[in-house]
Amino acid sequence: MAFEIRENVDGEIIIVELYGELDSSSVAAFSLGFKEISGKRGIMKYVLDLKGLEFISSAGWTAFLNEFKQLRLSGGDLKLAAMRPDAKRVYALVGVDGVIESHETVKEAVKSYAKKS
């Protein structure tokens, strides 16, 4: 399945939906697409909706970490939501869970921003 990236807006939060497989062959498309979305939106709060991702390789996890770090340096934030069980297991194994916050649903991730404001 080809990789696809889409955006939705929920108030001041940008929801970035990812579909397909995020691996070494599609990570450039993710990075470019995310930079395009964040570039036109400015510093904002983001939720990556992962329910449509069938696979995330180490290159994909690294890309998430890189975007997270860039956003934090600029005063923004990034959270993950709706991970499939296999992705959630890797998320914990490689230690991304200690860096990027994750939620069961997009709705929960969006609500979590309100709690910190």
N, C-alpha and C. Protein backbone atom coordinates (compact mmCIF):
# COMPACT_ATOMS: atom_id res chain seq x y z
N MET A 1 0.84 -1.19 0.00
CA MET A 1 0.00 0.00 0.00
C MET A 1 0.88 1.25 0.00
N ALA A 2 0.53 2.19 -0.82
CA ALA A 2 1.29 3.44 -0.90
C ALA A 2 1.08 4.28 0.35
N PHE A 3 2.09 5.03 0.70
CA PHE A 3 2.01 5.92 1.86
C PHE A 3 1.21 7.16 1.49
N GLU A 4 0.40 7.62 2.45
CA GLU A 4 -0.42 8.81 2.23
C GLU A 4 -0.48 9.63 3.51
N ILE A 5 -0.52 10.96 3.36
CA ILE A 5 -0.60 11.87 4.51
C ILE A 5 -1.71 12.88 4.23
N ARG A 6 -2.57 13.10 5.24
CA ARG A 6 -3.66 14.07 5.12
C ARG A 6 -3.72 14.90 6.40
N GLU A 7 -4.32 16.06 6.30
CA GLU A 7 -4.45 16.91 7.49
C GLU A 7 -5.89 17.31 7.73
N ASN A 8 -6.22 17.47 9.01
CA ASN A 8 -7.49 18.00 9.46
C ASN A 8 -7.19 18.98 10.59
N VAL A 9 -8.09 19.91 10.79
CA VAL A 9 -7.90 20.90 11.85
C VAL A 9 -9.01 20.73 12.88
N ASP A 10 -8.64 20.71 14.16
CA ASP A 10 -9.60 20.67 15.26
C ASP A 10 -9.25 21.84 16.17
N GLY A 11 -9.86 22.99 15.91
CA GLY A 11 -9.53 24.20 16.66
C GLY A 11 -8.11 24.61 16.36
N GLU A 12 -7.27 24.65 17.39
CA GLU A 12 -5.87 25.05 17.20
C GLU A 12 -4.95 23.84 17.05
N ILE A 13 -5.54 22.66 16.93
CA ILE A 13 -4.76 21.43 16.82
C ILE A 13 -4.86 20.87 15.40
N ILE A 14 -3.72 20.53 14.84
CA ILE A 14 -3.66 19.93 13.51
C ILE A 14 -3.55 18.42 13.67
N ILE A 15 -4.48 17.70 13.07
CA ILE A 15 -4.46 16.24 13.08
C ILE A 15 -3.91 15.79 11.74
N VAL A 16 -2.80 15.07 11.81
CA VAL A 16 -2.14 14.56 10.60
C VAL A 16 -2.40 13.06 10.52
N GLU A 17 -3.18 12.67 9.53
CA GLU A 17 -3.54 11.26 9.34
C GLU A 17 -2.53 10.60 8.41
N LEU A 18 -2.05 9.44 8.83
CA LEU A 18 -1.07 8.69 8.05
C LEU A 18 -1.66 7.35 7.63
N TYR A 19 -1.40 6.97 6.38
CA TYR A 19 -1.95 5.73 5.82
C TYR A 19 -0.86 4.96 5.10
N GLY A 20 -0.97 3.64 5.14
CA GLY A 20 -0.04 2.79 4.40
C GLY A 20 1.09 2.28 5.28
N GLU A 21 2.29 2.32 4.74
CA GLU A 21 3.48 1.86 5.44
C GLU A 21 4.49 2.99 5.52
N LEU A 22 5.05 3.19 6.71
CA LEU A 22 6.07 4.21 6.88
C LEU A 22 7.40 3.49 7.09
N ASP A 23 8.18 3.45 6.02
CA ASP A 23 9.48 2.76 6.05
C ASP A 23 10.50 3.61 5.31
N SER A 24 11.66 3.04 5.08
CA SER A 24 12.74 3.82 4.45
C SER A 24 12.35 4.37 3.08
N SER A 25 11.44 3.70 2.39
CA SER A 25 11.06 4.19 1.07
C SER A 25 9.99 5.29 1.13
N SER A 26 9.32 5.45 2.26
CA SER A 26 8.27 6.46 2.36
C SER A 26 8.54 7.55 3.40
N VAL A 27 9.63 7.41 4.17
CA VAL A 27 9.90 8.37 5.23
C VAL A 27 10.16 9.78 4.66
N ALA A 28 10.74 9.87 3.49
CA ALA A 28 10.96 11.19 2.87
C ALA A 28 9.62 11.85 2.54
N ALA A 29 8.65 11.05 2.09
CA ALA A 29 7.32 11.59 1.79
C ALA A 29 6.65 12.09 3.07
N PHE A 30 6.83 11.35 4.17
CA PHE A 30 6.29 11.80 5.46
C PHE A 30 6.93 13.12 5.87
N SER A 31 8.25 13.16 5.88
CA SER A 31 8.97 14.36 6.33
C SER A 31 8.60 15.57 5.48
N LEU A 32 8.58 15.39 4.18
CA LEU A 32 8.22 16.48 3.27
C LEU A 32 6.77 16.93 3.50
N GLY A 33 5.87 15.96 3.59
CA GLY A 33 4.46 16.28 3.81
C GLY A 33 4.23 16.97 5.14
N PHE A 34 4.90 16.48 6.19
CA PHE A 34 4.73 17.08 7.51
C PHE A 34 5.30 18.50 7.53
N LYS A 35 6.45 18.69 6.92
CA LYS A 35 7.05 20.03 6.87
C LYS A 35 6.15 21.00 6.08
N GLU A 36 5.53 20.50 5.04
CA GLU A 36 4.61 21.33 4.25
C GLU A 36 3.41 21.75 5.10
N ILE A 37 2.85 20.80 5.85
CA ILE A 37 1.71 21.10 6.72
C ILE A 37 2.12 22.06 7.83
N SER A 38 3.21 21.76 8.52
CA SER A 38 3.63 22.61 9.63
C SER A 38 4.12 23.97 9.15
N GLY A 39 4.70 24.02 7.96
CA GLY A 39 5.18 25.29 7.41
C GLY A 39 4.06 26.27 7.12
N LYS A 40 2.94 25.77 6.65
CA LYS A 40 1.84 26.67 6.34
C LYS A 40 1.00 27.00 7.57
N ARG A 41 1.13 26.17 8.60
CA ARG A 41 0.35 26.39 9.82
C ARG A 41 1.12 27.17 10.87
N GLY A 42 2.43 27.15 10.80
CA GLY A 42 3.22 27.80 11.84
C GLY A 42 3.34 26.90 13.05
N ILE A 43 3.77 27.47 14.15
CA ILE A 43 3.96 26.69 15.37
C ILE A 43 2.59 26.36 15.95
N MET A 44 2.32 25.09 16.03
CA MET A 44 1.02 24.64 16.52
C MET A 44 1.18 23.34 17.29
N LYS A 45 0.05 22.81 17.66
CA LYS A 45 -0.02 21.51 18.33
C LYS A 45 -0.49 20.49 17.30
N TYR A 46 0.19 19.36 17.28
CA TYR A 46 -0.09 18.32 16.29
C TYR A 46 -0.42 16.99 16.95
N VAL A 47 -1.30 16.25 16.30
CA VAL A 47 -1.58 14.86 16.67
C VAL A 47 -1.37 14.04 15.40
N LEU A 48 -0.50 13.03 15.49
CA LEU A 48 -0.34 12.09 14.39
C LEU A 48 -1.33 10.96 14.61
N ASP A 49 -2.29 10.83 13.71
CA ASP A 49 -3.29 9.76 13.75
C ASP A 49 -2.70 8.56 13.02
N LEU A 50 -2.36 7.52 13.77
CA LEU A 50 -1.65 6.37 13.21
C LEU A 50 -2.54 5.18 12.88
N LYS A 51 -3.86 5.33 13.01
CA LYS A 51 -4.73 4.16 12.81
C LYS A 51 -4.64 3.60 11.39
N GLY A 52 -4.29 4.42 10.43
CA GLY A 52 -4.20 3.96 9.05
C GLY A 52 -2.83 3.43 8.67
N LEU A 53 -1.87 3.46 9.60
CA LEU A 53 -0.53 2.94 9.30
C LEU A 53 -0.48 1.45 9.57
N GLU A 54 -0.18 0.69 8.54
CA GLU A 54 -0.10 -0.76 8.68
C GLU A 54 1.25 -1.22 9.19
N PHE A 55 2.28 -0.36 9.01
CA PHE A 55 3.64 -0.73 9.41
C PHE A 55 4.45 0.53 9.64
N ILE A 56 5.29 0.50 10.69
CA ILE A 56 6.21 1.61 10.96
C ILE A 56 7.58 1.00 11.20
N SER A 57 8.54 1.32 10.34
CA SER A 57 9.90 0.80 10.49
C SER A 57 10.69 1.71 11.44
N SER A 58 11.92 1.32 11.70
CA SER A 58 12.79 2.15 12.54
C SER A 58 12.99 3.53 11.92
N ALA A 59 13.01 3.59 10.59
CA ALA A 59 13.14 4.89 9.91
C ALA A 59 11.91 5.76 10.20
N GLY A 60 10.75 5.15 10.29
CA GLY A 60 9.53 5.89 10.62
C GLY A 60 9.55 6.43 12.03
N TRP A 61 9.98 5.59 12.99
CA TRP A 61 10.07 6.05 14.38
C TRP A 61 11.08 7.19 14.50
N THR A 62 12.18 7.08 13.79
CA THR A 62 13.19 8.14 13.80
C THR A 62 12.62 9.44 13.22
N ALA A 63 11.84 9.33 12.17
CA ALA A 63 11.21 10.51 11.57
C ALA A 63 10.26 11.18 12.55
N PHE A 64 9.47 10.37 13.29
CA PHE A 64 8.57 10.94 14.31
C PHE A 64 9.38 11.70 15.36
N LEU A 65 10.46 11.08 15.83
CA LEU A 65 11.31 11.72 16.84
C LEU A 65 11.91 13.02 16.32
N ASN A 66 12.37 13.01 15.08
CA ASN A 66 12.96 14.21 14.49
C ASN A 66 11.94 15.36 14.40
N GLU A 67 10.74 15.05 13.96
CA GLU A 67 9.70 16.08 13.85
C GLU A 67 9.31 16.59 15.23
N PHE A 68 9.21 15.67 16.20
CA PHE A 68 8.90 16.04 17.57
C PHE A 68 9.93 17.03 18.11
N LYS A 69 11.20 16.70 17.92
CA LYS A 69 12.28 17.56 18.42
C LYS A 69 12.24 18.94 17.76
N GLN A 70 12.02 18.98 16.45
CA GLN A 70 11.95 20.26 15.73
C GLN A 70 10.79 21.11 16.24
N LEU A 71 9.64 20.47 16.43
CA LEU A 71 8.49 21.22 16.94
C LEU A 71 8.74 21.76 18.32
N ARG A 72 9.32 20.95 19.19
CA ARG A 72 9.60 21.38 20.56
C ARG A 72 10.57 22.56 20.57
N LEU A 73 11.57 22.52 19.71
CA LEU A 73 12.53 23.63 19.63
C LEU A 73 11.85 24.92 19.20
N SER A 74 10.77 24.79 18.44
CA SER A 74 10.03 25.96 17.93
C SER A 74 8.86 26.34 18.81
N GLY A 75 8.67 25.64 19.93
CA GLY A 75 7.56 25.94 20.81
C GLY A 75 6.29 25.17 20.53
N GLY A 76 6.35 24.23 19.60
CA GLY A 76 5.19 23.41 19.26
C GLY A 76 5.20 22.08 20.01
N ASP A 77 4.28 21.21 19.66
CA ASP A 77 4.21 19.90 20.30
C ASP A 77 3.61 18.88 19.34
N LEU A 78 3.89 17.61 19.62
CA LEU A 78 3.42 16.51 18.78
C LEU A 78 3.05 15.35 19.69
N LYS A 79 1.90 14.76 19.43
CA LYS A 79 1.45 13.57 20.16
C LYS A 79 1.02 12.52 19.15
N LEU A 80 1.09 11.27 19.56
CA LEU A 80 0.69 10.15 18.72
C LEU A 80 -0.66 9.63 19.20
N ALA A 81 -1.45 9.09 18.27
CA ALA A 81 -2.76 8.56 18.64
C ALA A 81 -3.14 7.38 17.76
N ALA A 82 -3.96 6.51 18.33
CA ALA A 82 -4.61 5.41 17.61
C ALA A 82 -3.62 4.43 16.98
N MET A 83 -2.57 4.10 17.74
CA MET A 83 -1.58 3.13 17.27
C MET A 83 -2.15 1.72 17.25
N ARG A 84 -1.79 0.97 16.25
CA ARG A 84 -2.14 -0.45 16.21
C ARG A 84 -1.32 -1.19 17.26
N PRO A 85 -1.81 -2.33 17.74
CA PRO A 85 -1.11 -3.07 18.81
C PRO A 85 0.35 -3.40 18.50
N ASP A 86 0.66 -3.80 17.29
CA ASP A 86 2.06 -4.13 16.95
C ASP A 86 2.94 -2.88 17.00
N ALA A 87 2.40 -1.76 16.56
CA ALA A 87 3.17 -0.50 16.61
C ALA A 87 3.35 -0.06 18.06
N LYS A 88 2.33 -0.24 18.87
CA LYS A 88 2.40 0.14 20.28
C LYS A 88 3.49 -0.65 21.00
N ARG A 89 3.63 -1.91 20.64
CA ARG A 89 4.66 -2.76 21.25
C ARG A 89 6.05 -2.24 20.89
N VAL A 90 6.28 -1.90 19.64
CA VAL A 90 7.57 -1.37 19.20
C VAL A 90 7.81 0.01 19.83
N TYR A 91 6.77 0.82 19.89
CA TYR A 91 6.83 2.15 20.52
C TYR A 91 7.43 2.06 21.91
N ALA A 92 7.00 1.07 22.68
CA ALA A 92 7.52 0.88 24.03
C ALA A 92 8.91 0.25 24.01
N LEU A 93 9.13 -0.72 23.16
CA LEU A 93 10.42 -1.43 23.11
C LEU A 93 11.59 -0.52 22.76
N VAL A 94 11.38 0.38 21.81
CA VAL A 94 12.49 1.24 21.37
C VAL A 94 12.60 2.53 22.19
N GLY A 95 11.70 2.72 23.14
CA GLY A 95 11.81 3.85 24.05
C GLY A 95 11.17 5.14 23.58
N VAL A 96 10.43 5.11 22.50
CA VAL A 96 9.76 6.32 22.03
C VAL A 96 8.70 6.75 23.05
N ASP A 97 8.18 5.78 23.80
CA ASP A 97 7.16 6.09 24.81
C ASP A 97 7.67 7.03 25.90
N GLY A 98 8.98 7.08 26.08
CA GLY A 98 9.56 7.99 27.06
C GLY A 98 9.78 9.39 26.52
N VAL A 99 9.50 9.58 25.23
CA VAL A 99 9.75 10.88 24.60
C VAL A 99 8.46 11.50 24.07
N ILE A 100 7.74 10.76 23.25
CA ILE A 100 6.52 11.30 22.62
C ILE A 100 5.29 10.68 23.28
N GLU A 101 4.42 11.53 23.75
CA GLU A 101 3.18 11.10 24.40
C GLU A 101 2.26 10.41 23.39
N SER A 102 1.55 9.37 23.85
CA SER A 102 0.63 8.64 23.00
C SER A 102 -0.72 8.49 23.69
N HIS A 103 -1.77 8.42 22.87
CA HIS A 103 -3.14 8.25 23.37
C HIS A 103 -3.85 7.19 22.55
N GLU A 104 -4.85 6.56 23.16
CA GLU A 104 -5.61 5.50 22.48
C GLU A 104 -6.38 6.03 21.27
N THR A 105 -6.92 7.23 21.40
CA THR A 105 -7.71 7.81 20.31
C THR A 105 -7.25 9.24 20.00
N VAL A 106 -7.61 9.69 18.83
CA VAL A 106 -7.31 11.07 18.44
C VAL A 106 -8.05 12.03 19.37
N LYS A 107 -9.28 11.69 19.70
CA LYS A 107 -10.08 12.54 20.59
C LYS A 107 -9.38 12.73 21.94
N GLU A 108 -8.83 11.65 22.50
CA GLU A 108 -8.10 11.74 23.77
C GLU A 108 -6.85 12.61 23.63
N ALA A 109 -6.15 12.46 22.52
CA ALA A 109 -4.93 13.25 22.30
C ALA A 109 -5.28 14.74 22.20
N VAL A 110 -6.33 15.06 21.49
CA VAL A 110 -6.77 16.45 21.36
C VAL A 110 -7.16 17.00 22.74
N LYS A 111 -7.91 16.22 23.50
CA LYS A 111 -8.32 16.65 24.86
C LYS A 111 -7.12 16.88 25.77
N SER A 112 -6.07 16.07 25.59
CA SER A 112 -4.91 16.19 26.47
C SER A 112 -4.21 17.55 26.32
N TYR A 113 -4.33 18.17 25.17
CA TYR A 113 -3.77 19.51 25.00
C TYR A 113 -4.50 20.52 25.88
N ALA A 114 -5.81 20.38 26.01
CA ALA A 114 -6.60 21.30 26.81
C ALA A 114 -6.21 21.20 28.28
N LYS A 115 -5.83 20.02 28.74
CA LYS A 115 -5.45 19.82 30.13
C LYS A 115 -4.17 20.54 30.49
N LYS A 116 -3.29 20.72 29.51
CA LYS A 116 -1.99 21.35 29.76
C LYS A 116 -2.03 22.87 29.58
N SER A 117 -3.09 23.38 29.01
CA SER A 117 -3.17 24.82 28.74
C SER A 117 -3.51 25.60 29.97
